[in-house]
N, C-alpha and C. Protein backbone atom coordinates (compact mmCIF):
# COMPACT_ATOMS: atom_id res chain seq x y z
N MET A 1 -13.20 -7.30 -1.07
CA MET A 1 -12.73 -6.13 -1.63
C MET A 1 -11.31 -5.96 -0.84
N ILE A 2 -10.27 -5.66 -1.40
CA ILE A 2 -8.75 -5.59 -0.79
C ILE A 2 -8.80 -4.02 -0.70
N ILE A 3 -8.41 -3.48 0.69
CA ILE A 3 -8.27 -2.24 0.95
C ILE A 3 -7.12 -2.18 1.43
N TYR A 4 -6.39 -0.89 1.34
CA TYR A 4 -4.84 -0.40 1.73
C TYR A 4 -4.68 0.45 2.78
N ASP A 5 -5.96 0.44 3.57
CA ASP A 5 -5.63 1.26 4.79
C ASP A 5 -4.46 1.13 5.66
N ARG A 6 -3.89 -0.21 5.91
CA ARG A 6 -2.78 -0.54 6.73
C ARG A 6 -1.63 0.12 5.95
N LEU A 7 -1.40 0.46 4.89
CA LEU A 7 -0.37 1.03 4.28
C LEU A 7 0.06 2.35 5.10
N TRP A 8 -0.89 3.06 5.01
CA TRP A 8 -0.55 4.42 5.75
C TRP A 8 -0.21 4.30 7.09
N LYS A 9 -0.79 3.31 7.80
CA LYS A 9 -0.27 3.30 9.38
C LYS A 9 1.07 2.68 9.08
N THR A 10 1.61 2.06 8.59
CA THR A 10 2.64 1.02 8.18
C THR A 10 3.85 2.15 7.89
N ILE A 11 3.64 3.17 6.80
CA ILE A 11 4.58 4.07 6.47
C ILE A 11 4.96 5.01 7.50
N GLU A 12 3.81 5.43 8.31
CA GLU A 12 3.90 6.48 9.53
C GLU A 12 4.80 5.70 10.77
N LYS A 13 4.45 4.40 10.76
CA LYS A 13 5.11 3.41 12.02
C LYS A 13 6.44 3.45 11.66
N LYS A 14 7.16 3.09 10.00
CA LYS A 14 8.36 2.83 10.04
C LYS A 14 9.07 4.30 9.57
N GLY A 15 8.40 5.34 9.62
CA GLY A 15 9.09 6.83 9.57
C GLY A 15 9.29 6.92 8.05
N ILE A 16 8.81 6.56 7.20
CA ILE A 16 9.07 6.79 5.76
C ILE A 16 7.96 7.43 5.12
N SER A 17 8.36 8.65 4.83
CA SER A 17 7.20 9.67 4.26
C SER A 17 6.80 9.50 2.73
N GLN A 18 5.81 9.88 2.36
CA GLN A 18 5.06 9.63 0.87
C GLN A 18 6.18 10.27 -0.03
N TYR A 19 6.77 11.27 0.40
CA TYR A 19 7.79 12.02 -0.31
C TYR A 19 8.99 11.25 -0.45
N SER A 20 9.31 10.63 0.46
CA SER A 20 10.68 9.63 0.38
C SER A 20 10.37 8.34 -0.37
N LEU A 21 9.07 8.04 -0.37
CA LEU A 21 8.55 6.71 -1.18
C LEU A 21 8.69 7.32 -2.85
N ILE A 22 8.21 8.47 -2.93
CA ILE A 22 8.38 8.93 -4.61
C ILE A 22 9.69 9.36 -5.02
N HIS A 23 10.60 10.03 -3.93
CA HIS A 23 11.63 10.66 -4.56
C HIS A 23 12.75 9.68 -4.01
N ASP A 24 12.87 8.94 -3.16
CA ASP A 24 14.23 7.92 -2.57
C ASP A 24 13.72 6.49 -3.23
N TYR A 25 12.67 6.14 -3.35
CA TYR A 25 12.51 4.88 -3.66
C TYR A 25 11.74 4.77 -5.25
N ASN A 26 11.59 5.63 -5.56
CA ASN A 26 10.90 5.87 -7.23
C ASN A 26 9.61 5.05 -7.18
N ILE A 27 8.88 5.32 -6.13
CA ILE A 27 7.38 4.66 -6.06
C ILE A 27 6.73 5.78 -6.90
N ASN A 28 5.72 5.49 -8.02
CA ASN A 28 5.07 6.44 -8.66
C ASN A 28 3.79 7.01 -8.00
N GLU A 29 3.62 8.52 -8.04
CA GLU A 29 2.55 8.96 -7.34
C GLU A 29 1.30 8.47 -7.85
N ALA A 30 0.93 8.14 -8.81
CA ALA A 30 -0.34 7.37 -9.35
C ALA A 30 -0.56 5.99 -8.75
N GLN A 31 0.78 5.30 -8.19
CA GLN A 31 0.48 4.29 -7.57
C GLN A 31 0.10 4.49 -6.16
N LEU A 32 0.54 5.60 -5.75
CA LEU A 32 0.07 5.94 -4.20
C LEU A 32 -1.29 6.36 -4.55
N ASP A 33 -1.86 7.02 -5.35
CA ASP A 33 -3.08 7.59 -5.40
C ASP A 33 -4.00 6.17 -5.70
N ARG A 34 -3.72 5.19 -6.39
CA ARG A 34 -4.42 3.90 -6.38
C ARG A 34 -4.65 3.31 -5.31
N PHE A 35 -3.36 3.20 -4.25
CA PHE A 35 -3.51 2.82 -2.75
C PHE A 35 -4.58 3.71 -2.24
N ARG A 36 -4.68 4.77 -2.05
CA ARG A 36 -5.60 5.68 -1.73
C ARG A 36 -7.00 5.34 -1.87
N LYS A 37 -7.28 4.82 -3.21
CA LYS A 37 -8.56 4.72 -3.75
C LYS A 37 -8.87 3.29 -3.81
N ASN A 38 -8.18 2.51 -3.10
CA ASN A 38 -8.06 1.08 -3.05
C ASN A 38 -8.36 0.53 -4.58
N SER A 39 -7.88 0.98 -5.45
CA SER A 39 -7.92 0.43 -6.85
C SER A 39 -6.99 -0.65 -6.77
N VAL A 40 -6.84 -1.40 -8.35
CA VAL A 40 -6.19 -2.28 -8.76
C VAL A 40 -4.75 -1.85 -8.45
N ILE A 41 -3.91 -2.66 -7.89
CA ILE A 41 -2.40 -2.66 -7.61
C ILE A 41 -1.88 -4.07 -8.15
N LYS A 42 -0.96 -3.90 -8.95
CA LYS A 42 0.05 -5.02 -9.04
C LYS A 42 0.69 -5.71 -7.94
N THR A 43 0.75 -6.74 -7.94
CA THR A 43 1.57 -7.58 -6.86
C THR A 43 2.78 -7.28 -6.65
N VAL A 44 3.48 -6.98 -7.90
CA VAL A 44 4.98 -6.50 -7.82
C VAL A 44 5.10 -5.31 -7.10
N THR A 45 4.11 -4.07 -7.14
CA THR A 45 4.02 -3.28 -6.43
C THR A 45 4.20 -3.54 -4.99
N ILE A 46 3.16 -4.25 -4.41
CA ILE A 46 3.18 -4.54 -3.37
C ILE A 46 4.31 -5.34 -2.54
N ASP A 47 4.91 -6.41 -3.49
CA ASP A 47 6.24 -6.67 -3.12
C ASP A 47 7.16 -5.59 -2.75
N ARG A 48 7.54 -4.93 -3.75
CA ARG A 48 8.31 -3.83 -3.64
C ARG A 48 8.30 -3.04 -2.47
N LEU A 49 6.86 -2.51 -2.03
CA LEU A 49 6.59 -1.95 -0.73
C LEU A 49 7.00 -2.69 0.39
N CYS A 50 6.60 -3.99 0.28
CA CYS A 50 7.14 -4.79 1.61
C CYS A 50 8.75 -5.14 1.63
N ASN A 51 9.31 -5.00 0.90
CA ASN A 51 10.87 -4.77 0.68
C ASN A 51 11.29 -3.41 1.46
N ILE A 52 10.75 -2.35 0.69
CA ILE A 52 11.32 -1.04 1.23
C ILE A 52 10.77 -0.96 2.86
N LEU A 53 9.41 -1.22 3.20
CA LEU A 53 9.28 -1.07 4.34
C LEU A 53 9.63 -1.90 5.66
N ASP A 54 10.12 -3.30 4.97
CA ASP A 54 10.40 -4.34 5.66
C ASP A 54 9.42 -4.93 6.53
N CYS A 55 8.27 -5.31 5.84
CA CYS A 55 6.90 -5.60 6.42
C CYS A 55 6.36 -6.59 5.62
N ASN A 56 5.14 -7.24 6.21
CA ASN A 56 4.65 -8.38 5.43
C ASN A 56 3.40 -7.95 4.77
N VAL A 57 2.73 -8.51 3.78
CA VAL A 57 1.75 -8.02 3.04
C VAL A 57 0.48 -7.60 3.84
N GLU A 58 0.37 -8.33 5.02
CA GLU A 58 -0.90 -7.97 5.49
C GLU A 58 -0.40 -6.63 6.59
N ASP A 59 0.59 -5.98 6.46
CA ASP A 59 0.82 -4.79 7.15
C ASP A 59 0.45 -3.48 6.05
N ILE A 60 -0.19 -3.90 4.69
CA ILE A 60 -0.19 -3.31 3.73
C ILE A 60 -1.60 -3.36 3.33
N CYS A 61 -2.24 -4.54 3.26
CA CYS A 61 -3.59 -4.46 2.51
C CYS A 61 -4.48 -5.72 3.64
N GLN A 62 -5.48 -5.56 3.42
CA GLN A 62 -6.33 -6.69 4.06
C GLN A 62 -7.62 -6.69 3.10
N TYR A 63 -8.23 -8.08 3.21
CA TYR A 63 -9.75 -8.52 2.42
C TYR A 63 -10.76 -8.03 3.63
N VAL A 64 -11.84 -7.02 2.82
CA VAL A 64 -12.91 -7.06 3.58
C VAL A 64 -14.08 -7.32 2.83
N LYS A 65 -14.95 -8.24 3.34
CA LYS A 65 -16.09 -8.50 2.40
C LYS A 65 -17.17 -7.65 2.48
N GLU A 66 -17.54 -7.46 0.94
CA GLU A 66 -18.51 -6.27 0.84
C GLU A 66 -20.12 -7.01 0.86
N GLU A 67 -20.63 -6.28 1.76
CA GLU A 67 -22.14 -6.22 2.13
C GLU A 67 -22.87 -6.58 0.78
N GLY A 68 -23.92 -7.65 0.77
CA GLY A 68 -24.82 -7.85 -0.34
C GLY A 68 -24.23 -8.41 -1.62
N LYS A 69 -22.92 -8.61 -1.57
CA LYS A 69 -22.06 -9.26 -2.77
C LYS A 69 -21.73 -10.60 -2.56
N GLU A 70 -22.22 -11.68 -3.59
CA GLU A 70 -21.76 -13.12 -3.31
C GLU A 70 -21.00 -13.50 -4.35
């Protein structure tokens, strides 16, 4: 499972608020909600956030193996 917990730490570290992502960088609120819920995110959105935050993919998401799933 891909989780996006690192995104929130990265935006805090970079000093960019969610408000700024929405209003200054035109990131859709629904997209941020998908990140919160670890839902499906398009790679183009991850690419865009990496550009905005000047970071790497691993600063936004990580893979965590789910127990009991093969």
